[in-house]
């Protein structure tokens, strides 16, 4: 089993920045073989991909946050971070860390963390 724990959320004014971090633990040696990502879900909306990073460090950033958000990973620390700059009220959502472990064909989710951007 893999546990994902998010941190770094909170309340910020529009134009501000936050850095989310996801720490992986459990029955894994390292996240280096895992695809990692961040999703978000706003009230009344479906969960959507924000950013993803493959085991080869290829990234995929949603158009809505491109140029403002970046995703990075530290395999030695088993963490994946989401740097969010120039935040907008529409970025308000619960943000979820996601991991896909290909050797088990298994997907894992964190419990989610609230990000609120005030106007």
C-alpha atoms as a PDB file:
ATOM      1  CA  UNK A   1       0.000   0.000   0.000  1.00  0.00           C
ATOM      2  CA  UNK A   2       1.130   3.545  -0.729  1.00  0.00           C
ATOM      3  CA  UNK A   3       0.159   6.546   1.344  1.00  0.00           C
ATOM      4  CA  UNK A   4       0.190  10.078  -0.061  1.00  0.00           C
ATOM      5  CA  UNK A   5       0.034  13.061   2.278  1.00  0.00           C
ATOM      6  CA  UNK A   6      -0.412  16.596   0.973  1.00  0.00           C
ATOM      7  CA  UNK A   7       0.745  19.739   2.740  1.00  0.00           C
ATOM      8  CA  UNK A   8       1.103  23.443   2.039  1.00  0.00           C
ATOM      9  CA  UNK A   9      -2.460  24.456   1.292  1.00  0.00           C
ATOM     10  CA  UNK A  10      -4.312  27.375   2.809  1.00  0.00           C
ATOM     11  CA  UNK A  11      -5.752  30.794   2.143  1.00  0.00           C
ATOM     12  CA  UNK A  12      -3.992  33.276  -0.108  1.00  0.00           C
ATOM     13  CA  UNK A  13      -4.923  36.501  -1.863  1.00  0.00           C
ATOM     14  CA  UNK A  14      -5.223  36.660  -5.616  1.00  0.00           C
ATOM     15  CA  UNK A  15      -1.824  37.120  -7.196  1.00  0.00           C
ATOM     16  CA  UNK A  16      -0.091  35.271  -4.404  1.00  0.00           C
ATOM     17  CA  UNK A  17       1.762  31.977  -4.363  1.00  0.00           C
ATOM     18  CA  UNK A  18       1.557  28.640  -2.603  1.00  0.00           C
ATOM     19  CA  UNK A  19       3.658  25.514  -2.799  1.00  0.00           C
ATOM     20  CA  UNK A  20       1.961  22.185  -2.289  1.00  0.00           C
ATOM     21  CA  UNK A  21       3.984  19.145  -1.368  1.00  0.00           C
ATOM     22  CA  UNK A  22       3.032  15.479  -1.498  1.00  0.00           C
ATOM     23  CA  UNK A  23       4.997  12.931   0.508  1.00  0.00           C
ATOM     24  CA  UNK A  24       4.758   9.275  -0.436  1.00  0.00           C
ATOM     25  CA  UNK A  25       5.329   6.427   1.977  1.00  0.00           C
ATOM     26  CA  UNK A  26       4.415   2.804   2.468  1.00  0.00           C
ATOM     27  CA  UNK A  27       5.359  -0.320   0.592  1.00  0.00           C
ATOM     28  CA  UNK A  28       7.540   1.439  -1.915  1.00  0.00           C
ATOM     29  CA  UNK A  29      11.290   1.817  -2.125  1.00  0.00           C
ATOM     30  CA  UNK A  30      11.172   5.005  -4.171  1.00  0.00           C
ATOM     31  CA  UNK A  31       8.725   6.929  -6.297  1.00  0.00           C
ATOM     32  CA  UNK A  32      11.192   6.976  -9.175  1.00  0.00           C
ATOM     33  CA  UNK A  33       9.155   4.432 -11.151  1.00  0.00           C
ATOM     34  CA  UNK A  34       5.839   6.140 -10.482  1.00  0.00           C
ATOM     35  CA  UNK A  35       3.968   8.734 -12.475  1.00  0.00           C
ATOM     36  CA  UNK A  36       2.866  11.496 -10.116  1.00  0.00           C
ATOM     37  CA  UNK A  37       0.286  14.213 -10.481  1.00  0.00           C
ATOM     38  CA  UNK A  38      -1.869  16.864  -8.927  1.00  0.00           C
ATOM     39  CA  UNK A  39      -5.612  17.085  -9.474  1.00  0.00           C
ATOM     40  CA  UNK A  40      -8.157  19.512  -8.122  1.00  0.00           C
ATOM     41  CA  UNK A  41     -11.866  19.563  -7.518  1.00  0.00           C
ATOM     42  CA  UNK A  42     -13.880  22.723  -7.020  1.00  0.00           C
ATOM     43  CA  UNK A  43     -17.374  22.644  -5.478  1.00  0.00           C
ATOM     44  CA  UNK A  44     -19.905  21.348  -7.970  1.00  0.00           C
ATOM     45  CA  UNK A  45     -17.251  20.475 -10.521  1.00  0.00           C
ATOM     46  CA  UNK A  46     -15.499  17.307 -11.622  1.00  0.00           C
ATOM     47  CA  UNK A  47     -11.999  16.492 -10.526  1.00  0.00           C
ATOM     48  CA  UNK A  48      -9.514  17.687 -13.124  1.00  0.00           C
ATOM     49  CA  UNK A  49      -5.856  17.203 -13.848  1.00  0.00           C
ATOM     50  CA  UNK A  50      -3.691  20.174 -12.931  1.00  0.00           C
ATOM     51  CA  UNK A  51      -0.203  18.842 -13.588  1.00  0.00           C
ATOM     52  CA  UNK A  52       1.545  15.526 -13.988  1.00  0.00           C
ATOM     53  CA  UNK A  53       5.119  14.322 -14.158  1.00  0.00           C
ATOM     54  CA  UNK A  54       6.307  10.985 -15.477  1.00  0.00           C
ATOM     55  CA  UNK A  55       9.104   8.820 -14.134  1.00  0.00           C
ATOM     56  CA  UNK A  56      11.228  10.307 -16.950  1.00  0.00           C
ATOM     57  CA  UNK A  57      10.433  13.839 -15.734  1.00  0.00           C
ATOM     58  CA  UNK A  58       8.155  14.683 -18.647  1.00  0.00           C
ATOM     59  CA  UNK A  59       5.495  17.115 -17.505  1.00  0.00           C
ATOM     60  CA  UNK A  60       1.957  17.827 -18.571  1.00  0.00           C
ATOM     61  CA  UNK A  61       0.383  21.066 -17.387  1.00  0.00           C
ATOM     62  CA  UNK A  62      -3.282  21.963 -17.795  1.00  0.00           C
ATOM     63  CA  UNK A  63      -3.906  24.926 -20.080  1.00  0.00           C
ATOM     64  CA  UNK A  64      -5.745  26.753 -17.310  1.00  0.00           C
ATOM     65  CA  UNK A  65      -2.598  26.923 -15.171  1.00  0.00           C
ATOM     66  CA  UNK A  66       0.144  26.842 -17.793  1.00  0.00           C
ATOM     67  CA  UNK A  67       2.736  29.510 -17.156  1.00  0.00           C
ATOM     68  CA  UNK A  68       1.657  29.849 -13.526  1.00  0.00           C
ATOM     69  CA  UNK A  69       2.073  26.362 -12.029  1.00  0.00           C
ATOM     70  CA  UNK A  70       5.039  24.028 -12.180  1.00  0.00           C
ATOM     71  CA  UNK A  71       5.405  20.445 -10.974  1.00  0.00           C
ATOM     72  CA  UNK A  72       8.603  18.866  -9.762  1.00  0.00           C
ATOM     73  CA  UNK A  73       9.675  15.681  -8.045  1.00  0.00           C
ATOM     74  CA  UNK A  74      12.430  14.628  -5.676  1.00  0.00           C
ATOM     75  CA  UNK A  75      12.830  10.877  -5.899  1.00  0.00           C
ATOM     76  CA  UNK A  76      15.336  10.782  -3.044  1.00  0.00           C
ATOM     77  CA  UNK A  77      12.793  12.358  -0.707  1.00  0.00           C
ATOM     78  CA  UNK A  78       9.758  10.625  -2.257  1.00  0.00           C
ATOM     79  CA  UNK A  79       8.048  13.955  -2.755  1.00  0.00           C
ATOM     80  CA  UNK A  80       6.317  15.783  -5.581  1.00  0.00           C
ATOM     81  CA  UNK A  81       5.650  19.508  -5.375  1.00  0.00           C
ATOM     82  CA  UNK A  82       3.305  21.899  -7.111  1.00  0.00           C
ATOM     83  CA  UNK A  83       4.463  25.508  -7.205  1.00  0.00           C
ATOM     84  CA  UNK A  84       1.495  27.784  -7.785  1.00  0.00           C
ATOM     85  CA  UNK A  85       2.113  31.412  -8.709  1.00  0.00           C
ATOM     86  CA  UNK A  86      -0.190  34.248  -9.743  1.00  0.00           C
ATOM     87  CA  UNK A  87      -3.091  32.481  -8.102  1.00  0.00           C
ATOM     88  CA  UNK A  88      -6.617  33.365  -9.139  1.00  0.00           C
ATOM     89  CA  UNK A  89      -9.937  32.905  -7.309  1.00  0.00           C
ATOM     90  CA  UNK A  90     -10.840  30.229  -9.850  1.00  0.00           C
ATOM     91  CA  UNK A  91      -7.902  28.153  -8.576  1.00  0.00           C
ATOM     92  CA  UNK A  92      -9.854  27.615  -5.365  1.00  0.00           C
ATOM     93  CA  UNK A  93     -10.375  23.889  -4.922  1.00  0.00           C
ATOM     94  CA  UNK A  94      -9.361  20.819  -3.010  1.00  0.00           C
ATOM     95  CA  UNK A  95      -6.064  19.630  -4.454  1.00  0.00           C
ATOM     96  CA  UNK A  96      -5.261  15.928  -4.550  1.00  0.00           C
ATOM     97  CA  UNK A  97      -1.954  14.171  -5.015  1.00  0.00           C
ATOM     98  CA  UNK A  98      -2.042  11.172  -7.313  1.00  0.00           C
ATOM     99  CA  UNK A  99       0.393   8.371  -8.030  1.00  0.00           C
ATOM    100  CA  UNK A 100       0.336   5.596 -10.589  1.00  0.00           C
ATOM    101  CA  UNK A 101       2.521   2.577  -9.907  1.00  0.00           C
ATOM    102  CA  UNK A 102       2.895   0.683 -13.184  1.00  0.00           C
ATOM    103  CA  UNK A 103       4.377  -2.502 -11.685  1.00  0.00           C
ATOM    104  CA  UNK A 104       1.157  -3.002  -9.744  1.00  0.00           C
ATOM    105  CA  UNK A 105      -1.112  -1.214 -12.216  1.00  0.00           C
ATOM    106  CA  UNK A 106      -2.339   0.665  -9.166  1.00  0.00           C
ATOM    107  CA  UNK A 107      -3.457   4.252  -8.607  1.00  0.00           C
ATOM    108  CA  UNK A 108      -3.243   5.994  -5.256  1.00  0.00           C
ATOM    109  CA  UNK A 109      -4.761   9.241  -3.969  1.00  0.00           C
ATOM    110  CA  UNK A 110      -4.012  11.552  -1.111  1.00  0.00           C
ATOM    111  CA  UNK A 111      -6.745  12.813   1.183  1.00  0.00           C
ATOM    112  CA  UNK A 112      -6.777  16.249  -0.441  1.00  0.00           C
ATOM    113  CA  UNK A 113      -5.880  19.700   0.775  1.00  0.00           C
ATOM    114  CA  UNK A 114      -7.842  22.930   0.519  1.00  0.00           C
ATOM    115  CA  UNK A 115      -6.533  25.897  -1.443  1.00  0.00           C
ATOM    116  CA  UNK A 116      -8.588  29.068  -1.239  1.00  0.00           C
ATOM    117  CA  UNK A 117      -7.761  32.169  -3.249  1.00  0.00           C
ATOM    118  CA  UNK A 118      -9.535  35.329  -2.189  1.00  0.00           C
ATOM    119  CA  UNK A 119     -10.219  38.190  -4.582  1.00  0.00           C
END
